[in-house]
Amino acid sequence: MADFPRLQRTPTAVVWLDFLRAVGRAPLTLDAYARALDGFLAFCERHDHDPEQVSLSVVADYLGAMRERGLSGATLRQALCVVRLWSEHLVGLGVRADNPVPEGSSRAHGGSYAAPRLGARPGRAGLLPRTVRFPWVPTDDEWLRFLRAASTRGVRDRLMLAIAYSGALRRQEVVGLAVADVDPAHRLVTVRPEVAKRGRGRVVAYPREATPLLVAYLDRRRALSAVPGPLFLSESNRNRGRPLSKWTWNDVVGQIARAAGLPQFTPHTLRHLRLTHLAVKGLGLHEIATYAGHRSLESTMAYVHLSGRHIDERVTATLLEVEAAACEILAPSPPAP
């Protein structure tokens, strides 16, 4: 909250976020909601709107301003979600009479503050169109290029890449790992609920080949800090021995990506690639979802589509039968004797 002074000046925002914290929302979710609400309050402040009494047209102007800045559809949907949920809270407090965001984009007041589906009532289009784009994943050759570029990095960076890829970890999950989360005897990594998205903790594996990297890095880490705690520490002169931030991890992957000539490669690409590889190898849908920490199988299906497995295993067999029947019907009749 200290990073968002506008929130501190808005008592209803403080109460709302305190409520979400009290009902167990994950710290990362709270931070994302606080950041989004602070952005909305900033917009209202610039345009002299009372944020607690805005109309739908003001919300539309806010989304339009964000779109003009080139922000993604996912960012816009999250912003709309936060405005809707906070407005729902204001209705409950009696601060305003109704919710400016159309009904159906989140549950009615008094229900759960679960992340809403950003549409209107069934059969109606939502304020924001939801488009499905598959994530970019590198080809095998591009992946090898990236790994060759990474091979020149220090042992910490190489270990982070190995664990992030093997465990399909998100940024915060990688930098949030503690020394105690790694089980070298069984080559397992525990992703604790407090660092996982939506609190979905899980256990993932890393390969035997990464063990020498882990041993070498733990020796290196002891030279940085003798205190147990975060696994990955900064080695810079300014922050030496302090926990590594996700922004530093962004920079590390970005530097490797540029060296490999793959500027579109991000920390999340490692996760996309690993889940795609699991799908290619035939891991079941529910198994992939558990490994990834997905709440919905809809998210997991993207990787099955990327792998092409759904075509090879299901569609092709069906199509062969249909095509055979069609060709038999369409084949010219034998000439009459």
C-alpha atoms as a PDB file:
ATOM      1  CA  MET A   1       0.000   0.000   0.000  1.00  0.00           C
ATOM      2  CA  ALA A   2       2.924   2.330   0.659  1.00  0.00           C
ATOM      3  CA  ASP A   3       3.700   2.238  -3.058  1.00  0.00           C
ATOM      4  CA  PHE A   4       0.196   3.474  -3.909  1.00  0.00           C
ATOM      5  CA  PRO A   5      -0.454   6.787  -2.102  1.00  0.00           C
ATOM      6  CA  ARG A   6      -3.787   7.357  -3.887  1.00  0.00           C
ATOM      7  CA  LEU A   7      -5.127   4.180  -2.324  1.00  0.00           C
ATOM      8  CA  GLN A   8      -4.135   5.394   1.117  1.00  0.00           C
ATOM      9  CA  ARG A   9      -6.098   8.586   0.488  1.00  0.00           C
ATOM     10  CA  THR A  10      -9.189   6.541  -0.471  1.00  0.00           C
ATOM     11  CA  PRO A  11     -10.616   4.841   2.635  1.00  0.00           C
ATOM     12  CA  THR A  12     -13.034   2.609   0.704  1.00  0.00           C
ATOM     13  CA  ALA A  13     -10.119   1.254  -1.336  1.00  0.00           C
ATOM     14  CA  VAL A  14      -8.175   0.458   1.829  1.00  0.00           C
ATOM     15  CA  VAL A  15     -11.195  -1.315   3.336  1.00  0.00           C
ATOM     16  CA  TRP A  16     -11.741  -3.338   0.158  1.00  0.00           C
ATOM     17  CA  LEU A  17      -8.137  -4.510  -0.060  1.00  0.00           C
ATOM     18  CA  ASP A  18      -8.101  -5.316   3.653  1.00  0.00           C
ATOM     19  CA  PHE A  19     -11.197  -7.443   3.101  1.00  0.00           C
ATOM     20  CA  LEU A  20      -9.535  -9.331   0.249  1.00  0.00           C
ATOM     21  CA  ARG A  21      -6.470  -9.879   2.416  1.00  0.00           C
ATOM     22  CA  ALA A  22      -8.622 -11.137   5.286  1.00  0.00           C
ATOM     23  CA  VAL A  23     -10.383 -13.716   3.080  1.00  0.00           C
ATOM     24  CA  GLY A  24      -7.041 -15.101   1.947  1.00  0.00           C
ATOM     25  CA  ARG A  25      -6.312 -13.558  -1.420  1.00  0.00           C
ATOM     26  CA  ALA A  26      -2.719 -14.251  -2.458  1.00  0.00           C
ATOM     27  CA  PRO A  27      -0.178 -11.417  -1.998  1.00  0.00           C
ATOM     28  CA  LEU A  28       0.489 -11.275  -5.739  1.00  0.00           C
ATOM     29  CA  THR A  29      -3.236 -10.926  -6.439  1.00  0.00           C
ATOM     30  CA  LEU A  30      -3.533  -8.151  -3.862  1.00  0.00           C
ATOM     31  CA  ASP A  31      -0.580  -6.347  -5.420  1.00  0.00           C
ATOM     32  CA  ALA A  32      -2.099  -6.633  -8.907  1.00  0.00           C
ATOM     33  CA  TYR A  33      -5.477  -5.356  -7.670  1.00  0.00           C
ATOM     34  CA  ALA A  34      -3.858  -2.474  -5.780  1.00  0.00           C
ATOM     35  CA  ARG A  35      -1.822  -1.493  -8.833  1.00  0.00           C
ATOM     36  CA  ALA A  36      -4.866  -1.601 -11.121  1.00  0.00           C
ATOM     37  CA  LEU A  37      -7.069   0.359  -8.718  1.00  0.00           C
ATOM     38  CA  ASP A  38      -4.343   2.956  -8.230  1.00  0.00           C
ATOM     39  CA  GLY A  39      -4.237   3.378 -12.004  1.00  0.00           C
ATOM     40  CA  PHE A  40      -7.982   3.937 -12.104  1.00  0.00           C
ATOM     41  CA  LEU A  41      -7.794   6.467  -9.267  1.00  0.00           C
ATOM     42  CA  ALA A  42      -5.005   8.286 -11.117  1.00  0.00           C
ATOM     43  CA  PHE A  43      -7.160   8.484 -14.261  1.00  0.00           C
ATOM     44  CA  CYS A  44     -10.084   9.887 -12.266  1.00  0.00           C
ATOM     45  CA  GLU A  45      -7.795  12.405 -10.574  1.00  0.00           C
ATOM     46  CA  ARG A  46      -6.424  13.636 -13.910  1.00  0.00           C
ATOM     47  CA  HIS A  47      -9.906  14.078 -15.376  1.00  0.00           C
ATOM     48  CA  ASP A  48     -11.553  15.422 -12.225  1.00  0.00           C
ATOM     49  CA  HIS A  49     -13.956  12.475 -11.789  1.00  0.00           C
ATOM     50  CA  ASP A  50     -15.190  11.227  -8.437  1.00  0.00           C
ATOM     51  CA  PRO A  51     -13.956   7.602  -8.602  1.00  0.00           C
ATOM     52  CA  GLU A  52     -16.694   6.400  -6.262  1.00  0.00           C
ATOM     53  CA  GLN A  53     -19.484   7.823  -8.456  1.00  0.00           C
ATOM     54  CA  VAL A  54     -18.243   7.209 -12.014  1.00  0.00           C
ATOM     55  CA  SER A  55     -20.625   6.280 -14.811  1.00  0.00           C
ATOM     56  CA  LEU A  56     -20.196   3.584 -17.442  1.00  0.00           C
ATOM     57  CA  SER A  57     -19.030   6.225 -19.939  1.00  0.00           C
ATOM     58  CA  VAL A  58     -16.157   7.180 -17.616  1.00  0.00           C
ATOM     59  CA  VAL A  59     -15.164   3.522 -17.330  1.00  0.00           C
ATOM     60  CA  ALA A  60     -15.237   3.294 -21.132  1.00  0.00           C
ATOM     61  CA  ASP A  61     -13.036   6.411 -21.399  1.00  0.00           C
ATOM     62  CA  TYR A  62     -10.614   4.830 -18.924  1.00  0.00           C
ATOM     63  CA  LEU A  63     -10.368   1.655 -21.005  1.00  0.00           C
ATOM     64  CA  GLY A  64      -9.962   3.746 -24.158  1.00  0.00           C
ATOM     65  CA  ALA A  65      -7.067   5.658 -22.589  1.00  0.00           C
ATOM     66  CA  MET A  66      -5.390   2.390 -21.683  1.00  0.00           C
ATOM     67  CA  ARG A  67      -5.883   1.057 -25.195  1.00  0.00           C
ATOM     68  CA  GLU A  68      -4.284   4.201 -26.640  1.00  0.00           C
ATOM     69  CA  ARG A  69      -1.217   3.447 -24.528  1.00  0.00           C
ATOM     70  CA  GLY A  70      -0.924   0.122 -26.341  1.00  0.00           C
ATOM     71  CA  LEU A  71      -1.759  -2.017 -23.299  1.00  0.00           C
ATOM     72  CA  SER A  72      -2.781  -5.608 -23.916  1.00  0.00           C
ATOM     73  CA  GLY A  73      -6.294  -6.982 -23.834  1.00  0.00           C
ATOM     74  CA  ALA A  74      -5.420  -8.988 -20.718  1.00  0.00           C
ATOM     75  CA  THR A  75      -4.366  -5.795 -18.923  1.00  0.00           C
ATOM     76  CA  LEU A  76      -7.588  -4.068 -19.945  1.00  0.00           C
ATOM     77  CA  ARG A  77      -9.674  -6.998 -18.727  1.00  0.00           C
ATOM     78  CA  GLN A  78      -7.899  -6.982 -15.395  1.00  0.00           C
ATOM     79  CA  ALA A  79      -8.488  -3.227 -15.062  1.00  0.00           C
ATOM     80  CA  LEU A  80     -12.193  -3.686 -15.793  1.00  0.00           C
ATOM     81  CA  CYS A  81     -12.356  -6.554 -13.316  1.00  0.00           C
ATOM     82  CA  VAL A  82     -10.914  -4.390 -10.545  1.00  0.00           C
ATOM     83  CA  VAL A  83     -13.272  -1.471 -11.252  1.00  0.00           C
ATOM     84  CA  ARG A  84     -16.208  -3.884 -11.226  1.00  0.00           C
ATOM     85  CA  LEU A  85     -15.225  -5.569  -7.961  1.00  0.00           C
ATOM     86  CA  TRP A  86     -14.438  -2.324  -6.152  1.00  0.00           C
ATOM     87  CA  SER A  87     -17.711  -0.786  -7.359  1.00  0.00           C
ATOM     88  CA  GLU A  88     -19.501  -3.892  -6.121  1.00  0.00           C
ATOM     89  CA  HIS A  89     -17.919  -3.254  -2.723  1.00  0.00           C
ATOM     90  CA  LEU A  90     -19.085   0.389  -2.826  1.00  0.00           C
ATOM     91  CA  VAL A  91     -22.647  -0.739  -3.514  1.00  0.00           C
ATOM     92  CA  GLY A  92     -22.454  -2.983  -0.486  1.00  0.00           C
ATOM     93  CA  LEU A  93     -21.244  -0.094   1.668  1.00  0.00           C
ATOM     94  CA  GLY A  94     -24.096   2.101   0.429  1.00  0.00           C
ATOM     95  CA  VAL A  95     -21.631   4.577  -1.108  1.00  0.00           C
ATOM     96  CA  ARG A  96     -23.267   4.279  -4.508  1.00  0.00           C
ATOM     97  CA  ALA A  97     -26.603   2.951  -5.729  1.00  0.00           C
ATOM     98  CA  ASP A  98     -25.471   0.661  -8.523  1.00  0.00           C
ATOM     99  CA  ASN A  99     -22.476  -0.789 -10.279  1.00  0.00           C
ATOM    100  CA  PRO A 100     -21.341   1.146 -13.387  1.00  0.00           C
ATOM    101  CA  VAL A 101     -19.961  -1.959 -15.047  1.00  0.00           C
ATOM    102  CA  PRO A 102     -22.703  -4.052 -16.723  1.00  0.00           C
ATOM    103  CA  GLU A 103     -24.250  -6.820 -14.685  1.00  0.00           C
ATOM    104  CA  GLY A 104     -22.841 -10.253 -15.329  1.00  0.00           C
ATOM    105  CA  SER A 105     -19.148  -9.332 -15.402  1.00  0.00           C
ATOM    106  CA  SER A 106     -18.811 -10.463 -11.779  1.00  0.00           C
ATOM    107  CA  ARG A 107     -20.968 -12.020  -9.140  1.00  0.00           C
ATOM    108  CA  ALA A 108     -23.671 -10.017  -7.423  1.00  0.00           C
ATOM    109  CA  HIS A 109     -22.910  -8.207  -4.196  1.00  0.00           C
ATOM    110  CA  GLY A 110     -22.760 -10.503  -1.217  1.00  0.00           C
ATOM    111  CA  GLY A 111     -21.227 -13.336  -3.229  1.00  0.00           C
ATOM    112  CA  SER A 112     -17.638 -14.325  -3.694  1.00  0.00           C
ATOM    113  CA  TYR A 113     -15.026 -11.857  -4.856  1.00  0.00           C
ATOM    114  CA  ALA A 114     -13.793 -14.437  -7.327  1.00  0.00           C
ATOM    115  CA  ALA A 115     -12.231 -13.149 -10.510  1.00  0.00           C
ATOM    116  CA  PRO A 116     -15.167 -12.456 -12.824  1.00  0.00           C
ATOM    117  CA  ARG A 117     -15.865 -13.526 -16.322  1.00  0.00           C
ATOM    118  CA  LEU A 118     -15.729 -10.275 -18.205  1.00  0.00           C
ATOM    119  CA  GLY A 119     -18.887 -10.657 -20.258  1.00  0.00           C
ATOM    120  CA  ALA A 120     -22.435  -9.565 -19.744  1.00  0.00           C
ATOM    121  CA  ARG A 121     -25.333 -11.922 -19.147  1.00  0.00           C
ATOM    122  CA  PRO A 122     -25.245 -15.155 -21.137  1.00  0.00           C
ATOM    123  CA  GLY A 123     -25.944 -14.338 -24.747  1.00  0.00           C
ATOM    124  CA  ARG A 124     -24.613 -10.778 -24.505  1.00  0.00           C
ATOM    125  CA  ALA A 125     -21.232  -9.515 -25.573  1.00  0.00           C
ATOM    126  CA  GLY A 126     -18.984  -8.163 -22.846  1.00  0.00           C
ATOM    127  CA  LEU A 127     -17.484  -4.675 -22.727  1.00  0.00           C
ATOM    128  CA  LEU A 128     -14.201  -6.073 -23.929  1.00  0.00           C
ATOM    129  CA  PRO A 129     -13.911  -8.724 -26.629  1.00  0.00           C
ATOM    130  CA  ARG A 130     -12.025 -11.783 -25.452  1.00  0.00           C
ATOM    131  CA  THR A 131      -9.644 -13.068 -28.097  1.00  0.00           C
ATOM    132  CA  VAL A 132      -7.657 -16.255 -27.699  1.00  0.00           C
ATOM    133  CA  ARG A 133      -4.041 -16.063 -28.807  1.00  0.00           C
ATOM    134  CA  PHE A 134      -1.707 -18.970 -28.396  1.00  0.00           C
ATOM    135  CA  PRO A 135       1.575 -18.089 -26.681  1.00  0.00           C
ATOM    136  CA  TRP A 136       4.707 -17.954 -28.782  1.00  0.00           C
ATOM    137  CA  VAL A 137       7.042 -20.885 -28.288  1.00  0.00           C
ATOM    138  CA  PRO A 138      10.434 -21.256 -29.962  1.00  0.00           C
ATOM    139  CA  THR A 139      11.217 -23.976 -32.462  1.00  0.00           C
ATOM    140  CA  ASP A 140      13.736 -26.644 -31.510  1.00  0.00           C
ATOM    141  CA  ASP A 141      16.477 -24.747 -33.348  1.00  0.00           C
ATOM    142  CA  GLU A 142      15.564 -21.478 -31.610  1.00  0.00           C
ATOM    143  CA  TRP A 143      15.517 -23.211 -28.222  1.00  0.00           C
ATOM    144  CA  LEU A 144      19.019 -24.581 -28.868  1.00  0.00           C
ATOM    145  CA  ARG A 145      20.180 -21.103 -29.865  1.00  0.00           C
ATOM    146  CA  PHE A 146      18.843 -19.723 -26.618  1.00  0.00           C
ATOM    147  CA  LEU A 147      20.535 -22.471 -24.582  1.00  0.00           C
ATOM    148  CA  ARG A 148      23.872 -21.906 -26.315  1.00  0.00           C
ATOM    149  CA  ALA A 149      23.661 -18.205 -25.511  1.00  0.00           C
ATOM    150  CA  ALA A 150      22.785 -19.081 -21.896  1.00  0.00           C
ATOM    151  CA  SER A 151      25.727 -21.473 -21.550  1.00  0.00           C
ATOM    152  CA  THR A 152      28.102 -18.511 -21.106  1.00  0.00           C
ATOM    153  CA  ARG A 153      26.210 -17.157 -18.084  1.00  0.00           C
ATOM    154  CA  GLY A 154      27.120 -17.651 -14.429  1.00  0.00           C
ATOM    155  CA  VAL A 155      26.062 -20.759 -12.512  1.00  0.00           C
ATOM    156  CA  ARG A 156      23.141 -18.992 -10.810  1.00  0.00           C
ATOM    157  CA  ASP A 157      21.546 -17.928 -14.087  1.00  0.00           C
ATOM    158  CA  ARG A 158      22.005 -21.368 -15.644  1.00  0.00           C
ATOM    159  CA  LEU A 159      20.456 -23.077 -12.615  1.00  0.00           C
ATOM    160  CA  MET A 160      17.515 -20.673 -12.653  1.00  0.00           C
ATOM    161  CA  LEU A 161      16.904 -21.437 -16.317  1.00  0.00           C
ATOM    162  CA  ALA A 162      17.071 -25.189 -15.693  1.00  0.00           C
ATOM    163  CA  ILE A 163      14.634 -25.065 -12.764  1.00  0.00           C
ATOM    164  CA  ALA A 164      12.294 -22.532 -14.391  1.00  0.00           C
ATOM    165  CA  TYR A 165      12.056 -24.631 -17.561  1.00  0.00           C
ATOM    166  CA  SER A 166      11.860 -28.043 -15.865  1.00  0.00           C
ATOM    167  CA  GLY A 167       9.229 -26.902 -13.369  1.00  0.00           C
ATOM    168  CA  ALA A 168       7.307 -24.651 -15.788  1.00  0.00           C
ATOM    169  CA  LEU A 169       7.648 -21.903 -13.189  1.00  0.00           C
ATOM    170  CA  ARG A 170       6.339 -18.361 -13.392  1.00  0.00           C
ATOM    171  CA  ARG A 171       8.646 -15.421 -12.626  1.00  0.00           C
ATOM    172  CA  GLN A 172       7.571 -14.947  -9.027  1.00  0.00           C
ATOM    173  CA  GLU A 173       7.693 -18.671  -8.406  1.00  0.00           C
ATOM    174  CA  VAL A 174      11.330 -18.831  -9.532  1.00  0.00           C
ATOM    175  CA  VAL A 175      12.606 -15.877  -7.531  1.00  0.00           C
ATOM    176  CA  GLY A 176      10.403 -16.842  -4.578  1.00  0.00           C
ATOM    177  CA  LEU A 177      12.053 -20.235  -4.078  1.00  0.00           C
ATOM    178  CA  ALA A 178      13.792 -20.847  -0.764  1.00  0.00           C
ATOM    179  CA  VAL A 179      16.751 -23.150  -0.120  1.00  0.00           C
ATOM    180  CA  ALA A 180      14.428 -25.403   1.901  1.00  0.00           C
ATOM    181  CA  ASP A 181      12.100 -25.762  -1.114  1.00  0.00           C
ATOM    182  CA  VAL A 182      14.656 -27.879  -2.985  1.00  0.00           C
ATOM    183  CA  ASP A 183      14.871 -31.610  -2.264  1.00  0.00           C
ATOM    184  CA  PRO A 184      18.135 -32.805  -3.885  1.00  0.00           C
ATOM    185  CA  ALA A 185      17.582 -36.428  -2.803  1.00  0.00           C
ATOM    186  CA  HIS A 186      14.473 -36.740  -4.975  1.00  0.00           C
ATOM    187  CA  ARG A 187      15.203 -33.843  -7.367  1.00  0.00           C
ATOM    188  CA  LEU A 188      11.982 -32.081  -6.438  1.00  0.00           C
ATOM    189  CA  VAL A 189      11.090 -28.418  -5.954  1.00  0.00           C
ATOM    190  CA  THR A 190       8.184 -27.273  -3.808  1.00  0.00           C
ATOM    191  CA  VAL A 191       6.359 -24.181  -5.019  1.00  0.00           C
ATOM    192  CA  ARG A 192       4.806 -22.771  -1.845  1.00  0.00           C
ATOM    193  CA  PRO A 193       1.251 -21.376  -2.014  1.00  0.00           C
ATOM    194  CA  GLU A 194       2.417 -17.922  -0.902  1.00  0.00           C
ATOM    195  CA  VAL A 195       4.583 -17.487  -4.011  1.00  0.00           C
ATOM    196  CA  ALA A 196       2.301 -19.335  -6.449  1.00  0.00           C
ATOM    197  CA  LYS A 197      -0.371 -17.670  -8.536  1.00  0.00           C
ATOM    198  CA  ARG A 198      -3.772 -17.844  -6.795  1.00  0.00           C
ATOM    199  CA  GLY A 199      -2.108 -19.758  -3.979  1.00  0.00           C
ATOM    200  CA  ARG A 200      -1.920 -22.974  -6.021  1.00  0.00           C
ATOM    201  CA  GLY A 201       1.186 -24.560  -4.539  1.00  0.00           C
ATOM    202  CA  ARG A 202       2.584 -27.719  -6.087  1.00  0.00           C
ATOM    203  CA  VAL A 203       5.654 -29.950  -6.375  1.00  0.00           C
ATOM    204  CA  VAL A 204       7.663 -30.101  -9.615  1.00  0.00           C
ATOM    205  CA  ALA A 205      10.789 -31.936 -10.704  1.00  0.00           C
ATOM    206  CA  TYR A 206      14.169 -31.071 -12.131  1.00  0.00           C
ATOM    207  CA  PRO A 207      16.400 -33.453 -14.119  1.00  0.00           C
ATOM    208  CA  ARG A 208      19.462 -35.323 -12.866  1.00  0.00           C
ATOM    209  CA  GLU A 209      21.601 -33.251 -15.227  1.00  0.00           C
ATOM    210  CA  ALA A 210      20.831 -30.120 -13.202  1.00  0.00           C
ATOM    211  CA  THR A 211      22.326 -31.566  -9.992  1.00  0.00           C
ATOM    212  CA  PRO A 212      25.913 -30.396 -10.688  1.00  0.00           C
ATOM    213  CA  LEU A 213      24.557 -26.879 -11.287  1.00  0.00           C
ATOM    214  CA  LEU A 214      22.690 -26.966  -7.976  1.00  0.00           C
ATOM    215  CA  VAL A 215      25.758 -28.192  -6.048  1.00  0.00           C
ATOM    216  CA  ALA A 216      27.970 -25.526  -7.623  1.00  0.00           C
ATOM    217  CA  TYR A 217      25.439 -22.779  -6.981  1.00  0.00           C
ATOM    218  CA  LEU A 218      24.860 -23.733  -3.336  1.00  0.00           C
ATOM    219  CA  ASP A 219      28.628 -23.384  -2.801  1.00  0.00           C
ATOM    220  CA  ARG A 220      28.430 -19.988  -4.472  1.00  0.00           C
ATOM    221  CA  ARG A 221      25.410 -18.999  -2.395  1.00  0.00           C
ATOM    222  CA  ARG A 222      27.187 -19.802   0.881  1.00  0.00           C
ATOM    223  CA  ALA A 223      29.816 -17.246  -0.102  1.00  0.00           C
ATOM    224  CA  LEU A 224      27.060 -14.670  -0.602  1.00  0.00           C
ATOM    225  CA  SER A 225      25.112 -15.423   2.576  1.00  0.00           C
ATOM    226  CA  ALA A 226      25.329 -17.971   5.371  1.00  0.00           C
ATOM    227  CA  VAL A 227      21.709 -17.312   6.322  1.00  0.00           C
ATOM    228  CA  PRO A 228      19.108 -19.839   5.055  1.00  0.00           C
ATOM    229  CA  GLY A 229      16.270 -18.264   3.130  1.00  0.00           C
ATOM    230  CA  PRO A 230      15.723 -17.278  -0.500  1.00  0.00           C
ATOM    231  CA  LEU A 231      17.514 -19.600  -2.896  1.00  0.00           C
ATOM    232  CA  PHE A 232      18.532 -17.096  -5.540  1.00  0.00           C
ATOM    233  CA  LEU A 233      20.490 -14.060  -4.367  1.00  0.00           C
ATOM    234  CA  SER A 234      21.787 -10.956  -6.113  1.00  0.00           C
ATOM    235  CA  GLU A 235      25.485 -10.882  -6.937  1.00  0.00           C
ATOM    236  CA  SER A 236      25.628  -7.198  -7.820  1.00  0.00           C
ATOM    237  CA  ASN A 237      27.730  -4.825  -5.750  1.00  0.00           C
ATOM    238  CA  ARG A 238      24.679  -2.742  -4.860  1.00  0.00           C
ATOM    239  CA  ASN A 239      22.380  -5.559  -3.708  1.00  0.00           C
ATOM    240  CA  ARG A 240      24.877  -8.322  -2.964  1.00  0.00           C
ATOM    241  CA  GLY A 241      23.319 -11.156  -0.964  1.00  0.00           C
ATOM    242  CA  ARG A 242      19.778  -9.799  -1.168  1.00  0.00           C
ATOM    243  CA  PRO A 243      16.891 -11.830  -2.671  1.00  0.00           C
ATOM    244  CA  LEU A 244      16.761 -11.654  -6.435  1.00  0.00           C
ATOM    245  CA  SER A 245      13.808  -9.663  -7.823  1.00  0.00           C
ATOM    246  CA  LYS A 246      11.615 -10.685 -10.714  1.00  0.00           C
ATOM    247  CA  TRP A 247      12.804  -7.566 -12.540  1.00  0.00           C
ATOM    248  CA  THR A 248      16.394  -8.810 -12.370  1.00  0.00           C
ATOM    249  CA  TRP A 249      15.213 -12.171 -13.665  1.00  0.00           C
ATOM    250  CA  ASN A 250      13.527 -10.320 -16.549  1.00  0.00           C
ATOM    251  CA  ASP A 251      16.843  -8.629 -17.332  1.00  0.00           C
ATOM    252  CA  VAL A 252      18.764 -11.917 -17.218  1.00  0.00           C
ATOM    253  CA  VAL A 253      16.441 -13.664 -19.666  1.00  0.00           C
ATOM    254  CA  GLY A 254      16.252 -10.535 -21.826  1.00  0.00           C
ATOM    255  CA  GLN A 255      20.033 -10.371 -22.163  1.00  0.00           C
ATOM    256  CA  ILE A 256      20.217 -14.029 -23.173  1.00  0.00           C
ATOM    257  CA  ALA A 257      17.321 -13.609 -25.599  1.00  0.00           C
ATOM    258  CA  ARG A 258      18.998 -10.665 -27.327  1.00  0.00           C
ATOM    259  CA  ALA A 259      22.276 -12.575 -27.570  1.00  0.00           C
ATOM    260  CA  ALA A 260      20.388 -15.437 -29.204  1.00  0.00           C
ATOM    261  CA  GLY A 261      18.554 -13.114 -31.585  1.00  0.00           C
ATOM    262  CA  LEU A 262      15.194 -13.969 -30.007  1.00  0.00           C
ATOM    263  CA  PRO A 263      13.867 -10.692 -28.564  1.00  0.00           C
ATOM    264  CA  GLN A 264      10.386 -12.182 -28.096  1.00  0.00           C
ATOM    265  CA  PHE A 265      11.730 -14.762 -25.623  1.00  0.00           C
ATOM    266  CA  THR A 266      10.653 -13.844 -22.054  1.00  0.00           C
ATOM    267  CA  PRO A 267      10.817 -15.615 -18.674  1.00  0.00           C
ATOM    268  CA  HIS A 268       7.285 -16.905 -19.283  1.00  0.00           C
ATOM    269  CA  THR A 269       8.413 -18.487 -22.559  1.00  0.00           C
ATOM    270  CA  LEU A 270      10.236 -21.113 -20.497  1.00  0.00           C
ATOM    271  CA  ARG A 271       6.919 -22.090 -18.933  1.00  0.00           C
ATOM    272  CA  HIS A 272       5.082 -22.120 -22.278  1.00  0.00           C
ATOM    273  CA  LEU A 273       7.796 -24.258 -23.827  1.00  0.00           C
ATOM    274  CA  ARG A 274       7.927 -26.786 -20.999  1.00  0.00           C
ATOM    275  CA  LEU A 275       4.155 -27.305 -20.946  1.00  0.00           C
ATOM    276  CA  THR A 276       4.138 -27.700 -24.721  1.00  0.00           C
ATOM    277  CA  HIS A 277       6.916 -30.288 -24.471  1.00  0.00           C
ATOM    278  CA  LEU A 278       4.949 -32.191 -21.808  1.00  0.00           C
ATOM    279  CA  ALA A 279       1.937 -32.243 -24.132  1.00  0.00           C
ATOM    280  CA  VAL A 280       4.099 -33.456 -27.031  1.00  0.00           C
ATOM    281  CA  LYS A 281       5.383 -36.316 -24.864  1.00  0.00           C
ATOM    282  CA  GLY A 282       1.818 -37.425 -24.203  1.00  0.00           C
ATOM    283  CA  LEU A 283       1.270 -36.311 -20.611  1.00  0.00           C
ATOM    284  CA  GLY A 284      -2.448 -36.252 -19.815  1.00  0.00           C
ATOM    285  CA  LEU A 285      -4.430 -33.033 -19.707  1.00  0.00           C
ATOM    286  CA  HIS A 286      -5.111 -33.223 -15.957  1.00  0.00           C
ATOM    287  CA  GLU A 287      -1.481 -34.100 -15.256  1.00  0.00           C
ATOM    288  CA  ILE A 288      -0.269 -31.060 -17.174  1.00  0.00           C
ATOM    289  CA  ALA A 289      -2.799 -28.856 -15.388  1.00  0.00           C
ATOM    290  CA  THR A 290      -1.608 -30.098 -11.986  1.00  0.00           C
ATOM    291  CA  TYR A 291       2.038 -29.626 -12.914  1.00  0.00           C
ATOM    292  CA  ALA A 292       1.355 -26.113 -14.191  1.00  0.00           C
ATOM    293  CA  GLY A 293      -0.855 -25.069 -11.291  1.00  0.00           C
ATOM    294  CA  HIS A 294      -3.721 -24.221 -13.638  1.00  0.00           C
ATOM    295  CA  ARG A 295      -7.113 -23.579 -12.125  1.00  0.00           C
ATOM    296  CA  SER A 296      -8.907 -24.280 -15.396  1.00  0.00           C
ATOM    297  CA  LEU A 297      -8.316 -26.979 -18.004  1.00  0.00           C
ATOM    298  CA  GLU A 298      -9.105 -24.300 -20.581  1.00  0.00           C
ATOM    299  CA  SER A 299      -5.670 -22.791 -19.908  1.00  0.00           C
ATOM    300  CA  THR A 300      -4.011 -26.190 -20.261  1.00  0.00           C
ATOM    301  CA  MET A 301      -5.677 -26.924 -23.589  1.00  0.00           C
ATOM    302  CA  ALA A 302      -3.628 -24.170 -25.244  1.00  0.00           C
ATOM    303  CA  TYR A 303      -0.504 -26.294 -24.831  1.00  0.00           C
ATOM    304  CA  VAL A 304      -2.178 -29.389 -26.204  1.00  0.00           C
ATOM    305  CA  HIS A 305      -3.122 -27.330 -29.260  1.00  0.00           C
ATOM    306  CA  LEU A 306       0.413 -25.964 -29.568  1.00  0.00           C
ATOM    307  CA  SER A 307       1.833 -29.474 -29.415  1.00  0.00           C
ATOM    308  CA  GLY A 308      -0.376 -30.623 -32.273  1.00  0.00           C
ATOM    309  CA  ARG A 309      -1.131 -33.772 -30.299  1.00  0.00           C
ATOM    310  CA  HIS A 310      -4.876 -33.234 -30.496  1.00  0.00           C
ATOM    311  CA  ILE A 311      -4.602 -33.417 -34.276  1.00  0.00           C
ATOM    312  CA  ASP A 312      -2.319 -36.446 -34.361  1.00  0.00           C
ATOM    313  CA  GLU A 313      -4.184 -38.548 -31.820  1.00  0.00           C
ATOM    314  CA  ARG A 314      -7.831 -37.689 -32.278  1.00  0.00           C
ATOM    315  CA  VAL A 315      -8.656 -35.623 -35.306  1.00  0.00           C
ATOM    316  CA  THR A 316      -6.524 -37.525 -37.794  1.00  0.00           C
ATOM    317  CA  ALA A 317      -8.034 -40.915 -36.942  1.00  0.00           C
ATOM    318  CA  THR A 318     -11.553 -39.521 -37.230  1.00  0.00           C
ATOM    319  CA  LEU A 319     -10.817 -37.695 -40.449  1.00  0.00           C
ATOM    320  CA  LEU A 320      -9.391 -40.791 -42.086  1.00  0.00           C
ATOM    321  CA  GLU A 321     -12.654 -42.629 -41.489  1.00  0.00           C
ATOM    322  CA  VAL A 322     -14.759 -39.706 -42.706  1.00  0.00           C
ATOM    323  CA  GLU A 323     -12.581 -39.134 -45.751  1.00  0.00           C
ATOM    324  CA  ALA A 324     -12.684 -42.824 -46.658  1.00  0.00           C
ATOM    325  CA  ALA A 325     -16.476 -42.841 -46.464  1.00  0.00           C
ATOM    326  CA  ALA A 326     -16.727 -39.608 -48.456  1.00  0.00           C
ATOM    327  CA  CYS A 327     -14.408 -40.837 -51.182  1.00  0.00           C
ATOM    328  CA  GLU A 328     -16.295 -44.097 -51.433  1.00  0.00           C
ATOM    329  CA  ILE A 329     -19.538 -42.197 -51.985  1.00  0.00           C
ATOM    330  CA  LEU A 330     -17.989 -39.744 -54.429  1.00  0.00           C
ATOM    331  CA  ALA A 331     -16.029 -42.322 -56.398  1.00  0.00           C
ATOM    332  CA  PRO A 332     -17.379 -42.729 -59.929  1.00  0.00           C
ATOM    333  CA  SER A 333     -19.690 -45.656 -60.377  1.00  0.00           C
ATOM    334  CA  PRO A 334     -18.231 -48.544 -62.366  1.00  0.00           C
ATOM    335  CA  PRO A 335     -19.346 -48.499 -65.997  1.00  0.00           C
ATOM    336  CA  ALA A 336     -22.421 -50.529 -66.793  1.00  0.00           C
ATOM    337  CA  PRO A 337     -21.631 -53.863 -68.485  1.00  0.00           C
END
